[in-house]
Amino acid sequence: MTLVKEAPARPARKRPAAPAAGRRGRRRENLAGYLFMSPWIAGFLLLTAGPMIASLYYAFTSYNLFTPPKWVGLDNFTTMFQDPRWQKSVEVTLKYVVVATPLKLLLALGVALLLAQSRRGQGLYRAAFYMPSLIGASVSVGFVWRALFSDDAIVDRGQKVFGIDVGGWIGNPDYILYALVALSIWQFGAPMVIFLAGLKQVPREVYEAAEVDGAGPFRRFWNITLPMISPVLFFNVLLESIHAFQVFGSAYVVSDTRCGPADATLVYTCYLYQKGFKEAQMGFASAMAWTLVVAVGLVTAVLFWSQKKWVHYEEAAK
């Protein structure tokens, strides 16, 4: 029998400690990084995190901006749920979201499909269609929109040509909300650009193979385009839904700061503004704000849950 003598294990070599100069250099780099980030950190703490924490506290108090807040527990929430105008604001907001968001995305996708094709002046068309998204939220556009849909204005005269005589939409409680919907649809440029980016990622070879197999335009769109751009579609649905819940400027300006007539454009944020800054019920307004945060969070959670059934990611396919 041959005995093999094992070599003694070598002691682990200790890694030499980093020179003190290197550690000081890293500390200086970290300090420089925090110094450059300090404006953002200060802005986040003072303008975002701080007000959010304060509003969460005010939501459980009676606070009118002039006297110290008084703790009332859940009274603001119970009063809010029983308020008929709050219920009206929820109804108007949901109606706006359900109508405006799908129409806006349909128009954005349709124009994106047209602009995805190579044609002369393509850049000019893209810039022209995107322009309303840059200026659509301005107060001046709200005043212009109000003028367009007023009595005896261009929209009123145009519909009379087709035998429709309902007057201006601004003063009609049955139609003024649709003027806001039209303004939202007009600002389809941002989702259009996102759809264009998604369409550019679809391989042309897939379309060519489907065309060889005899697939028509509608079948290619339904079986190829939509599944391939479903992540982009999900992103646009999520983003535009959140924006629709937060609509304020257009409703406030177009309705001449009245959110009416007859509360027809009393969207949620408009009523929140009235309670907080016109009636000085900041505690009630804070409760409304946090209710909106929870509601938008629930909608976002539902969308993320549903995307497992209709959104197709490339990594999952592999």
C-alpha atoms as a PDB file:
ATOM      1  CA  MET A   1       0.000   0.000   0.000  1.00  0.00           C
ATOM      2  CA  THR A   2       1.343   3.365  -0.964  1.00  0.00           C
ATOM      3  CA  LEU A   3       0.846   6.171   1.495  1.00  0.00           C
ATOM      4  CA  VAL A   4       0.347   9.622   0.027  1.00  0.00           C
ATOM      5  CA  LYS A   5       1.336  12.390   2.298  1.00  0.00           C
ATOM      6  CA  GLU A   6      -0.969  15.340   2.008  1.00  0.00           C
ATOM      7  CA  ALA A   7       0.632  18.701   1.664  1.00  0.00           C
ATOM      8  CA  PRO A   8      -0.071  20.992   4.553  1.00  0.00           C
ATOM      9  CA  ALA A   9      -2.815  23.513   3.805  1.00  0.00           C
ATOM     10  CA  ARG A  10      -1.478  26.909   3.060  1.00  0.00           C
ATOM     11  CA  PRO A  11      -2.771  29.669   5.286  1.00  0.00           C
ATOM     12  CA  ALA A  12      -5.180  32.028   3.546  1.00  0.00           C
ATOM     13  CA  ARG A  13      -3.433  35.066   2.282  1.00  0.00           C
ATOM     14  CA  LYS A  14      -4.812  38.231   3.735  1.00  0.00           C
ATOM     15  CA  ARG A  15      -5.790  40.886   1.239  1.00  0.00           C
ATOM     16  CA  PRO A  16      -3.743  43.940   1.867  1.00  0.00           C
ATOM     17  CA  ALA A  17      -5.705  46.751   3.375  1.00  0.00           C
ATOM     18  CA  ALA A  18      -6.669  49.551   1.003  1.00  0.00           C
ATOM     19  CA  PRO A  19      -4.323  52.461   1.278  1.00  0.00           C
ATOM     20  CA  ALA A  20      -5.604  55.353   3.324  1.00  0.00           C
ATOM     21  CA  ALA A  21      -5.257  57.604   0.281  1.00  0.00           C
ATOM     22  CA  GLY A  22      -7.651  55.362  -1.697  1.00  0.00           C
ATOM     23  CA  ARG A  23     -10.270  55.455   1.032  1.00  0.00           C
ATOM     24  CA  ARG A  24     -10.020  59.219   1.253  1.00  0.00           C
ATOM     25  CA  GLY A  25     -10.438  59.418  -2.539  1.00  0.00           C
ATOM     26  CA  ARG A  26     -13.617  57.344  -2.451  1.00  0.00           C
ATOM     27  CA  ARG A  27     -14.993  59.485   0.374  1.00  0.00           C
ATOM     28  CA  ARG A  28     -14.319  62.599  -1.672  1.00  0.00           C
ATOM     29  CA  GLU A  29     -16.085  61.055  -4.676  1.00  0.00           C
ATOM     30  CA  ASN A  30     -19.093  60.105  -2.547  1.00  0.00           C
ATOM     31  CA  LEU A  31     -19.171  63.562  -1.031  1.00  0.00           C
ATOM     32  CA  ALA A  32     -19.104  65.130  -4.490  1.00  0.00           C
ATOM     33  CA  GLY A  33     -21.948  62.868  -5.600  1.00  0.00           C
ATOM     34  CA  TYR A  34     -24.095  63.804  -2.601  1.00  0.00           C
ATOM     35  CA  LEU A  35     -23.247  67.462  -3.190  1.00  0.00           C
ATOM     36  CA  PHE A  36     -24.549  67.284  -6.765  1.00  0.00           C
ATOM     37  CA  MET A  37     -27.654  65.399  -5.560  1.00  0.00           C
ATOM     38  CA  SER A  38     -28.350  67.830  -2.714  1.00  0.00           C
ATOM     39  CA  PRO A  39     -30.690  70.138  -4.725  1.00  0.00           C
ATOM     40  CA  TRP A  40     -32.860  67.162  -5.678  1.00  0.00           C
ATOM     41  CA  ILE A  41     -32.762  65.724  -2.146  1.00  0.00           C
ATOM     42  CA  ALA A  42     -33.692  69.102  -0.649  1.00  0.00           C
ATOM     43  CA  GLY A  43     -36.496  69.562  -3.187  1.00  0.00           C
ATOM     44  CA  PHE A  44     -37.836  66.073  -2.534  1.00  0.00           C
ATOM     45  CA  LEU A  45     -37.842  66.504   1.246  1.00  0.00           C
ATOM     46  CA  LEU A  46     -39.211  70.062   1.290  1.00  0.00           C
ATOM     47  CA  LEU A  47     -41.595  70.008  -1.685  1.00  0.00           C
ATOM     48  CA  THR A  48     -42.727  66.374  -1.922  1.00  0.00           C
ATOM     49  CA  ALA A  49     -42.120  64.166   1.115  1.00  0.00           C
ATOM     50  CA  GLY A  50     -42.697  66.915   3.690  1.00  0.00           C
ATOM     51  CA  PRO A  51     -46.035  68.132   2.284  1.00  0.00           C
ATOM     52  CA  MET A  52     -47.218  64.538   1.819  1.00  0.00           C
ATOM     53  CA  ILE A  53     -46.549  63.682   5.469  1.00  0.00           C
ATOM     54  CA  ALA A  54     -48.178  66.936   6.594  1.00  0.00           C
ATOM     55  CA  SER A  55     -51.278  66.320   4.444  1.00  0.00           C
ATOM     56  CA  LEU A  56     -51.583  62.793   5.842  1.00  0.00           C
ATOM     57  CA  TYR A  57     -51.709  64.293   9.338  1.00  0.00           C
ATOM     58  CA  TYR A  58     -54.136  67.035   8.289  1.00  0.00           C
ATOM     59  CA  ALA A  59     -56.464  64.403   6.803  1.00  0.00           C
ATOM     60  CA  PHE A  60     -57.345  63.380  10.366  1.00  0.00           C
ATOM     61  CA  THR A  61     -57.747  66.917  11.659  1.00  0.00           C
ATOM     62  CA  SER A  62     -60.045  69.908  11.357  1.00  0.00           C
ATOM     63  CA  TYR A  63     -57.780  72.557   9.835  1.00  0.00           C
ATOM     64  CA  ASN A  64     -58.756  75.803   8.111  1.00  0.00           C
ATOM     65  CA  LEU A  65     -55.282  77.344   7.498  1.00  0.00           C
ATOM     66  CA  PHE A  66     -55.883  80.031  10.136  1.00  0.00           C
ATOM     67  CA  THR A  67     -56.183  78.100  13.392  1.00  0.00           C
ATOM     68  CA  PRO A  68     -54.122  75.181  14.707  1.00  0.00           C
ATOM     69  CA  PRO A  69     -55.299  71.765  13.471  1.00  0.00           C
ATOM     70  CA  LYS A  70     -57.588  69.808  15.790  1.00  0.00           C
ATOM     71  CA  TRP A  71     -57.556  66.007  15.736  1.00  0.00           C
ATOM     72  CA  VAL A  72     -60.930  64.585  14.633  1.00  0.00           C
ATOM     73  CA  GLY A  73     -59.972  61.059  13.609  1.00  0.00           C
ATOM     74  CA  LEU A  74     -62.000  59.646  10.711  1.00  0.00           C
ATOM     75  CA  ASP A  75     -64.626  62.410  10.716  1.00  0.00           C
ATOM     76  CA  ASN A  76     -63.323  63.925   7.461  1.00  0.00           C
ATOM     77  CA  PHE A  77     -63.637  60.599   5.665  1.00  0.00           C
ATOM     78  CA  THR A  78     -67.118  59.814   6.962  1.00  0.00           C
ATOM     79  CA  THR A  79     -68.323  63.314   6.066  1.00  0.00           C
ATOM     80  CA  MET A  80     -66.714  63.017   2.631  1.00  0.00           C
ATOM     81  CA  PHE A  81     -68.399  59.711   1.770  1.00  0.00           C
ATOM     82  CA  GLN A  82     -71.793  61.192   2.716  1.00  0.00           C
ATOM     83  CA  ASP A  83     -71.266  64.420   0.752  1.00  0.00           C
ATOM     84  CA  PRO A  84     -73.465  64.510  -2.400  1.00  0.00           C
ATOM     85  CA  ARG A  85     -71.042  66.825  -4.224  1.00  0.00           C
ATOM     86  CA  TRP A  86     -68.152  64.472  -3.476  1.00  0.00           C
ATOM     87  CA  GLN A  87     -70.188  61.624  -4.929  1.00  0.00           C
ATOM     88  CA  LYS A  88     -70.919  63.804  -7.955  1.00  0.00           C
ATOM     89  CA  SER A  89     -67.201  64.525  -8.410  1.00  0.00           C
ATOM     90  CA  VAL A  90     -66.416  60.802  -8.352  1.00  0.00           C
ATOM     91  CA  GLU A  91     -69.119  60.157 -10.943  1.00  0.00           C
ATOM     92  CA  VAL A  92     -67.886  62.928 -13.250  1.00  0.00           C
ATOM     93  CA  THR A  93     -64.257  61.829 -12.928  1.00  0.00           C
ATOM     94  CA  LEU A  94     -65.011  58.181 -13.672  1.00  0.00           C
ATOM     95  CA  LYS A  95     -67.075  59.182 -16.701  1.00  0.00           C
ATOM     96  CA  TYR A  96     -64.227  61.348 -17.952  1.00  0.00           C
ATOM     97  CA  VAL A  97     -61.640  58.596 -17.452  1.00  0.00           C
ATOM     98  CA  VAL A  98     -63.760  55.906 -19.125  1.00  0.00           C
ATOM     99  CA  VAL A  99     -64.558  58.080 -22.175  1.00  0.00           C
ATOM    100  CA  ALA A 100     -61.412  60.159 -22.688  1.00  0.00           C
ATOM    101  CA  THR A 101     -58.683  57.573 -22.129  1.00  0.00           C
ATOM    102  CA  PRO A 102     -59.758  54.922 -24.708  1.00  0.00           C
ATOM    103  CA  LEU A 103     -60.585  57.523 -27.386  1.00  0.00           C
ATOM    104  CA  LYS A 104     -57.262  59.271 -26.890  1.00  0.00           C
ATOM    105  CA  LEU A 105     -55.302  56.027 -27.142  1.00  0.00           C
ATOM    106  CA  LEU A 106     -57.247  54.856 -30.198  1.00  0.00           C
ATOM    107  CA  LEU A 107     -56.479  58.080 -32.039  1.00  0.00           C
ATOM    108  CA  ALA A 108     -52.831  57.986 -30.935  1.00  0.00           C
ATOM    109  CA  LEU A 109     -52.438  54.395 -32.150  1.00  0.00           C
ATOM    110  CA  GLY A 110     -54.178  55.128 -35.460  1.00  0.00           C
ATOM    111  CA  VAL A 111     -51.977  58.127 -36.234  1.00  0.00           C
ATOM    112  CA  ALA A 112     -48.879  56.195 -35.107  1.00  0.00           C
ATOM    113  CA  LEU A 113     -49.713  53.414 -37.587  1.00  0.00           C
ATOM    114  CA  LEU A 114     -49.927  55.996 -40.367  1.00  0.00           C
ATOM    115  CA  LEU A 115     -46.700  57.766 -39.382  1.00  0.00           C
ATOM    116  CA  ALA A 116     -44.797  54.476 -38.992  1.00  0.00           C
ATOM    117  CA  GLN A 117     -44.812  54.140 -42.780  1.00  0.00           C
ATOM    118  CA  SER A 118     -41.993  55.822 -44.657  1.00  0.00           C
ATOM    119  CA  ARG A 119     -43.205  58.907 -46.465  1.00  0.00           C
ATOM    120  CA  ARG A 120     -41.969  62.344 -47.455  1.00  0.00           C
ATOM    121  CA  GLY A 121     -42.164  64.951 -44.712  1.00  0.00           C
ATOM    122  CA  GLN A 122     -42.513  62.326 -42.000  1.00  0.00           C
ATOM    123  CA  GLY A 123     -40.610  64.388 -39.420  1.00  0.00           C
ATOM    124  CA  LEU A 124     -42.809  67.427 -40.047  1.00  0.00           C
ATOM    125  CA  TYR A 125     -45.980  65.387 -39.549  1.00  0.00           C
ATOM    126  CA  ARG A 126     -44.688  63.894 -36.312  1.00  0.00           C
ATOM    127  CA  ALA A 127     -43.771  67.314 -34.936  1.00  0.00           C
ATOM    128  CA  ALA A 128     -47.152  68.759 -35.940  1.00  0.00           C
ATOM    129  CA  PHE A 129     -49.104  65.974 -34.256  1.00  0.00           C
ATOM    130  CA  TYR A 130     -46.941  66.138 -31.131  1.00  0.00           C
ATOM    131  CA  MET A 131     -47.220  69.926 -30.739  1.00  0.00           C
ATOM    132  CA  PRO A 132     -50.630  69.936 -28.946  1.00  0.00           C
ATOM    133  CA  SER A 133     -49.160  67.800 -26.161  1.00  0.00           C
ATOM    134  CA  LEU A 134     -46.657  70.560 -25.413  1.00  0.00           C
ATOM    135  CA  ILE A 135     -49.191  73.371 -25.135  1.00  0.00           C
ATOM    136  CA  GLY A 136     -52.387  71.501 -24.310  1.00  0.00           C
ATOM    137  CA  ALA A 137     -52.160  71.967 -20.531  1.00  0.00           C
ATOM    138  CA  SER A 138     -51.643  75.737 -20.706  1.00  0.00           C
ATOM    139  CA  VAL A 139     -54.246  78.191 -19.447  1.00  0.00           C
ATOM    140  CA  SER A 140     -54.285  80.006 -22.779  1.00  0.00           C
ATOM    141  CA  VAL A 141     -55.401  76.841 -24.592  1.00  0.00           C
ATOM    142  CA  GLY A 142     -58.194  76.458 -22.036  1.00  0.00           C
ATOM    143  CA  PHE A 143     -59.455  79.949 -22.881  1.00  0.00           C
ATOM    144  CA  VAL A 144     -59.232  79.192 -26.611  1.00  0.00           C
ATOM    145  CA  TRP A 145     -61.150  75.949 -26.103  1.00  0.00           C
ATOM    146  CA  ARG A 146     -63.795  77.808 -24.145  1.00  0.00           C
ATOM    147  CA  ALA A 147     -64.161  80.291 -26.999  1.00  0.00           C
ATOM    148  CA  LEU A 148     -64.432  77.530 -29.600  1.00  0.00           C
ATOM    149  CA  PHE A 149     -67.275  75.745 -27.795  1.00  0.00           C
ATOM    150  CA  SER A 150     -69.231  78.822 -26.661  1.00  0.00           C
ATOM    151  CA  ASP A 151     -72.579  79.919 -28.060  1.00  0.00           C
ATOM    152  CA  ASP A 152     -72.478  80.994 -31.721  1.00  0.00           C
ATOM    153  CA  ALA A 153     -68.778  79.998 -31.953  1.00  0.00           C
ATOM    154  CA  ILE A 154     -67.174  77.839 -34.612  1.00  0.00           C
ATOM    155  CA  VAL A 155     -68.352  74.514 -33.130  1.00  0.00           C
ATOM    156  CA  ASP A 156     -71.897  75.792 -32.677  1.00  0.00           C
ATOM    157  CA  ARG A 157     -72.026  77.095 -36.236  1.00  0.00           C
ATOM    158  CA  GLY A 158     -70.475  73.924 -37.629  1.00  0.00           C
ATOM    159  CA  GLN A 159     -73.015  71.611 -36.023  1.00  0.00           C
ATOM    160  CA  LYS A 160     -75.877  73.803 -37.248  1.00  0.00           C
ATOM    161  CA  VAL A 161     -74.733  73.044 -40.814  1.00  0.00           C
ATOM    162  CA  PHE A 162     -75.640  69.405 -40.122  1.00  0.00           C
ATOM    163  CA  GLY A 163     -78.967  70.321 -38.563  1.00  0.00           C
ATOM    164  CA  ILE A 164     -77.796  69.969 -34.949  1.00  0.00           C
ATOM    165  CA  ASP A 165     -78.935  72.880 -32.815  1.00  0.00           C
ATOM    166  CA  VAL A 166     -77.915  72.334 -29.190  1.00  0.00           C
ATOM    167  CA  GLY A 167     -76.170  75.647 -28.710  1.00  0.00           C
ATOM    168  CA  GLY A 168     -72.686  76.038 -27.304  1.00  0.00           C
ATOM    169  CA  TRP A 169     -71.316  73.130 -25.349  1.00  0.00           C
ATOM    170  CA  ILE A 170     -69.864  75.314 -22.588  1.00  0.00           C
ATOM    171  CA  GLY A 171     -73.234  76.406 -21.225  1.00  0.00           C
ATOM    172  CA  ASN A 172     -74.900  73.019 -21.657  1.00  0.00           C
ATOM    173  CA  PRO A 173     -74.520  70.589 -18.706  1.00  0.00           C
ATOM    174  CA  ASP A 174     -75.090  67.643 -21.049  1.00  0.00           C
ATOM    175  CA  TYR A 175     -72.230  68.507 -23.403  1.00  0.00           C
ATOM    176  CA  ILE A 176     -69.573  70.510 -21.554  1.00  0.00           C
ATOM    177  CA  LEU A 177     -67.825  67.389 -20.255  1.00  0.00           C
ATOM    178  CA  TYR A 178     -67.411  66.202 -23.833  1.00  0.00           C
ATOM    179  CA  ALA A 179     -65.644  69.469 -24.619  1.00  0.00           C
ATOM    180  CA  LEU A 180     -63.065  68.453 -22.004  1.00  0.00           C
ATOM    181  CA  VAL A 181     -62.897  64.992 -23.559  1.00  0.00           C
ATOM    182  CA  ALA A 182     -62.238  66.587 -26.956  1.00  0.00           C
ATOM    183  CA  LEU A 183     -59.430  68.664 -25.425  1.00  0.00           C
ATOM    184  CA  SER A 184     -57.880  65.537 -23.952  1.00  0.00           C
ATOM    185  CA  ILE A 185     -58.102  63.669 -27.265  1.00  0.00           C
ATOM    186  CA  TRP A 186     -56.494  66.634 -29.044  1.00  0.00           C
ATOM    187  CA  GLN A 187     -53.411  66.117 -26.861  1.00  0.00           C
ATOM    188  CA  PHE A 188     -52.680  62.631 -28.205  1.00  0.00           C
ATOM    189  CA  GLY A 189     -49.096  63.431 -29.208  1.00  0.00           C
ATOM    190  CA  ALA A 190     -47.306  61.919 -26.200  1.00  0.00           C
ATOM    191  CA  PRO A 191     -48.854  58.422 -26.417  1.00  0.00           C
ATOM    192  CA  MET A 192     -48.496  58.607 -30.208  1.00  0.00           C
ATOM    193  CA  VAL A 193     -44.719  58.976 -29.901  1.00  0.00           C
ATOM    194  CA  ILE A 194     -44.580  56.015 -27.500  1.00  0.00           C
ATOM    195  CA  PHE A 195     -46.648  53.912 -29.915  1.00  0.00           C
ATOM    196  CA  LEU A 196     -44.286  54.894 -32.731  1.00  0.00           C
ATOM    197  CA  ALA A 197     -41.311  53.669 -30.722  1.00  0.00           C
ATOM    198  CA  GLY A 198     -43.072  50.346 -30.129  1.00  0.00           C
ATOM    199  CA  LEU A 199     -44.037  49.926 -33.789  1.00  0.00           C
ATOM    200  CA  LYS A 200     -40.437  50.452 -34.842  1.00  0.00           C
ATOM    201  CA  GLN A 201     -39.440  47.415 -32.763  1.00  0.00           C
ATOM    202  CA  VAL A 202     -41.707  45.015 -34.661  1.00  0.00           C
ATOM    203  CA  PRO A 203     -39.534  43.029 -37.155  1.00  0.00           C
ATOM    204  CA  ARG A 204     -40.524  43.557 -40.779  1.00  0.00           C
ATOM    205  CA  GLU A 205     -39.778  39.892 -41.493  1.00  0.00           C
ATOM    206  CA  VAL A 206     -42.791  38.867 -39.398  1.00  0.00           C
ATOM    207  CA  TYR A 207     -45.121  40.992 -41.525  1.00  0.00           C
ATOM    208  CA  GLU A 208     -43.571  39.670 -44.727  1.00  0.00           C
ATOM    209  CA  ALA A 209     -43.998  36.051 -43.615  1.00  0.00           C
ATOM    210  CA  ALA A 210     -47.620  36.679 -42.637  1.00  0.00           C
ATOM    211  CA  GLU A 211     -48.301  38.380 -45.957  1.00  0.00           C
ATOM    212  CA  VAL A 212     -46.861  35.396 -47.811  1.00  0.00           C
ATOM    213  CA  ASP A 213     -49.208  33.156 -45.826  1.00  0.00           C
ATOM    214  CA  GLY A 214     -52.147  35.242 -47.043  1.00  0.00           C
ATOM    215  CA  ALA A 215     -52.849  37.283 -43.922  1.00  0.00           C
ATOM    216  CA  GLY A 216     -54.707  40.527 -44.660  1.00  0.00           C
ATOM    217  CA  PRO A 217     -54.074  43.948 -43.064  1.00  0.00           C
ATOM    218  CA  PHE A 218     -56.584  43.469 -40.260  1.00  0.00           C
ATOM    219  CA  ARG A 219     -55.302  39.991 -39.401  1.00  0.00           C
ATOM    220  CA  ARG A 220     -51.703  41.220 -39.401  1.00  0.00           C
ATOM    221  CA  PHE A 221     -52.673  44.061 -37.094  1.00  0.00           C
ATOM    222  CA  TRP A 222     -54.650  41.829 -34.710  1.00  0.00           C
ATOM    223  CA  ASN A 223     -52.292  38.844 -34.594  1.00  0.00           C
ATOM    224  CA  ILE A 224     -48.917  40.557 -34.971  1.00  0.00           C
ATOM    225  CA  THR A 225     -48.973  44.284 -34.244  1.00  0.00           C
ATOM    226  CA  LEU A 226     -51.118  44.286 -31.122  1.00  0.00           C
ATOM    227  CA  PRO A 227     -49.332  41.381 -29.365  1.00  0.00           C
ATOM    228  CA  MET A 228     -45.912  42.795 -30.261  1.00  0.00           C
ATOM    229  CA  ILE A 229     -46.691  46.289 -28.933  1.00  0.00           C
ATOM    230  CA  SER A 230     -48.763  45.109 -25.955  1.00  0.00           C
ATOM    231  CA  PRO A 231     -46.112  46.273 -23.408  1.00  0.00           C
ATOM    232  CA  VAL A 232     -46.208  49.743 -24.959  1.00  0.00           C
ATOM    233  CA  LEU A 233     -49.999  49.664 -24.982  1.00  0.00           C
ATOM    234  CA  PHE A 234     -50.034  48.695 -21.307  1.00  0.00           C
ATOM    235  CA  PHE A 235     -47.663  51.552 -20.473  1.00  0.00           C
ATOM    236  CA  ASN A 236     -49.858  54.075 -22.300  1.00  0.00           C
ATOM    237  CA  VAL A 237     -53.063  52.774 -20.691  1.00  0.00           C
ATOM    238  CA  LEU A 238     -51.488  53.019 -17.246  1.00  0.00           C
ATOM    239  CA  LEU A 239     -50.023  56.482 -17.798  1.00  0.00           C
ATOM    240  CA  GLU A 240     -53.076  58.017 -19.438  1.00  0.00           C
ATOM    241  CA  SER A 241     -55.448  56.557 -16.836  1.00  0.00           C
ATOM    242  CA  ILE A 242     -53.445  58.146 -14.025  1.00  0.00           C
ATOM    243  CA  HIS A 243     -53.348  61.478 -15.881  1.00  0.00           C
ATOM    244  CA  ALA A 244     -57.108  61.354 -16.463  1.00  0.00           C
ATOM    245  CA  PHE A 245     -57.799  60.895 -12.756  1.00  0.00           C
ATOM    246  CA  GLN A 246     -55.701  64.002 -12.052  1.00  0.00           C
ATOM    247  CA  VAL A 247     -57.351  66.307 -14.604  1.00  0.00           C
ATOM    248  CA  PHE A 248     -57.817  69.817 -13.221  1.00  0.00           C
ATOM    249  CA  GLY A 249     -56.568  72.717 -15.347  1.00  0.00           C
ATOM    250  CA  SER A 250     -58.780  72.162 -18.368  1.00  0.00           C
ATOM    251  CA  ALA A 251     -61.916  71.592 -16.255  1.00  0.00           C
ATOM    252  CA  TYR A 252     -61.213  74.657 -14.144  1.00  0.00           C
ATOM    253  CA  VAL A 253     -60.454  77.045 -17.018  1.00  0.00           C
ATOM    254  CA  VAL A 254     -62.981  75.850 -19.588  1.00  0.00           C
ATOM    255  CA  SER A 255     -65.801  76.055 -17.028  1.00  0.00           C
ATOM    256  CA  ASP A 256     -64.735  79.597 -16.049  1.00  0.00           C
ATOM    257  CA  THR A 257     -63.526  78.408 -12.602  1.00  0.00           C
ATOM    258  CA  ARG A 258     -67.073  77.212 -11.730  1.00  0.00           C
ATOM    259  CA  CYS A 259     -66.616  73.512 -12.528  1.00  0.00           C
ATOM    260  CA  GLY A 260     -70.089  73.680 -14.006  1.00  0.00           C
ATOM    261  CA  PRO A 261     -72.722  74.439 -15.032  1.00  0.00           C
ATOM    262  CA  ALA A 262     -74.687  72.288 -12.592  1.00  0.00           C
ATOM    263  CA  ASP A 263     -71.433  70.627 -11.488  1.00  0.00           C
ATOM    264  CA  ALA A 264     -71.162  69.040 -14.942  1.00  0.00           C
ATOM    265  CA  THR A 265     -67.355  69.376 -14.910  1.00  0.00           C
ATOM    266  CA  LEU A 266     -66.902  68.928 -11.173  1.00  0.00           C
ATOM    267  CA  VAL A 267     -63.978  66.538 -11.497  1.00  0.00           C
ATOM    268  CA  TYR A 268     -62.409  65.230  -8.312  1.00  0.00           C
ATOM    269  CA  THR A 269     -59.456  67.611  -8.215  1.00  0.00           C
ATOM    270  CA  CYS A 270     -61.700  70.590  -8.931  1.00  0.00           C
ATOM    271  CA  TYR A 271     -63.839  69.832  -5.883  1.00  0.00           C
ATOM    272  CA  LEU A 272     -60.687  69.218  -3.857  1.00  0.00           C
ATOM    273  CA  TYR A 273     -59.449  72.677  -4.844  1.00  0.00           C
ATOM    274  CA  GLN A 274     -62.755  74.276  -3.872  1.00  0.00           C
ATOM    275  CA  LYS A 275     -62.803  72.642  -0.447  1.00  0.00           C
ATOM    276  CA  GLY A 276     -59.156  73.328   0.301  1.00  0.00           C
ATOM    277  CA  PHE A 277     -58.536  76.821  -1.031  1.00  0.00           C
ATOM    278  CA  LYS A 278     -61.954  78.439  -1.500  1.00  0.00           C
ATOM    279  CA  GLU A 279     -63.650  77.104   1.620  1.00  0.00           C
ATOM    280  CA  ALA A 280     -60.407  76.756   3.637  1.00  0.00           C
ATOM    281  CA  GLN A 281     -61.245  73.189   4.713  1.00  0.00           C
ATOM    282  CA  MET A 282     -57.720  71.892   4.371  1.00  0.00           C
ATOM    283  CA  GLY A 283     -58.312  68.843   6.546  1.00  0.00           C
ATOM    284  CA  PHE A 284     -61.226  67.748   4.361  1.00  0.00           C
ATOM    285  CA  ALA A 285     -59.196  68.441   1.204  1.00  0.00           C
ATOM    286  CA  SER A 286     -56.287  66.387   2.549  1.00  0.00           C
ATOM    287  CA  ALA A 287     -58.640  63.466   3.191  1.00  0.00           C
ATOM    288  CA  MET A 288     -59.867  63.788  -0.397  1.00  0.00           C
ATOM    289  CA  ALA A 289     -56.293  63.845  -1.694  1.00  0.00           C
ATOM    290  CA  TRP A 290     -55.297  60.665   0.116  1.00  0.00           C
ATOM    291  CA  THR A 291     -58.495  58.949  -0.995  1.00  0.00           C
ATOM    292  CA  LEU A 292     -57.518  59.759  -4.568  1.00  0.00           C
ATOM    293  CA  VAL A 293     -54.027  58.360  -3.966  1.00  0.00           C
ATOM    294  CA  VAL A 294     -55.503  55.092  -2.691  1.00  0.00           C
ATOM    295  CA  ALA A 295     -57.986  54.919  -5.584  1.00  0.00           C
ATOM    296  CA  VAL A 296     -55.291  55.475  -8.214  1.00  0.00           C
ATOM    297  CA  GLY A 297     -53.127  52.895  -6.464  1.00  0.00           C
ATOM    298  CA  LEU A 298     -55.947  50.345  -6.648  1.00  0.00           C
ATOM    299  CA  VAL A 299     -56.515  51.063 -10.343  1.00  0.00           C
ATOM    300  CA  THR A 300     -52.779  50.670 -10.960  1.00  0.00           C
ATOM    301  CA  ALA A 301     -52.748  47.360  -9.061  1.00  0.00           C
ATOM    302  CA  VAL A 302     -55.690  46.064 -11.110  1.00  0.00           C
ATOM    303  CA  LEU A 303     -53.961  47.035 -14.354  1.00  0.00           C
ATOM    304  CA  PHE A 304     -50.752  45.287 -13.306  1.00  0.00           C
ATOM    305  CA  TRP A 305     -52.752  42.201 -12.351  1.00  0.00           C
ATOM    306  CA  SER A 306     -54.633  42.162 -15.655  1.00  0.00           C
ATOM    307  CA  GLN A 307     -51.509  42.648 -17.797  1.00  0.00           C
ATOM    308  CA  LYS A 308     -50.495  39.059 -17.089  1.00  0.00           C
ATOM    309  CA  LYS A 309     -53.347  37.946 -19.343  1.00  0.00           C
ATOM    310  CA  TRP A 310     -52.882  40.234 -22.355  1.00  0.00           C
ATOM    311  CA  VAL A 311     -49.365  41.720 -22.298  1.00  0.00           C
ATOM    312  CA  HIS A 312     -46.720  39.626 -24.059  1.00  0.00           C
ATOM    313  CA  TYR A 313     -43.100  40.266 -23.171  1.00  0.00           C
ATOM    314  CA  GLU A 314     -40.246  39.070 -25.348  1.00  0.00           C
ATOM    315  CA  GLU A 315     -38.384  37.539 -22.402  1.00  0.00           C
ATOM    316  CA  ALA A 316     -41.440  35.477 -21.449  1.00  0.00           C
ATOM    317  CA  ALA A 317     -41.774  34.229 -25.012  1.00  0.00           C
ATOM    318  CA  LYS A 318     -38.232  32.969 -24.949  1.00  0.00           C
END
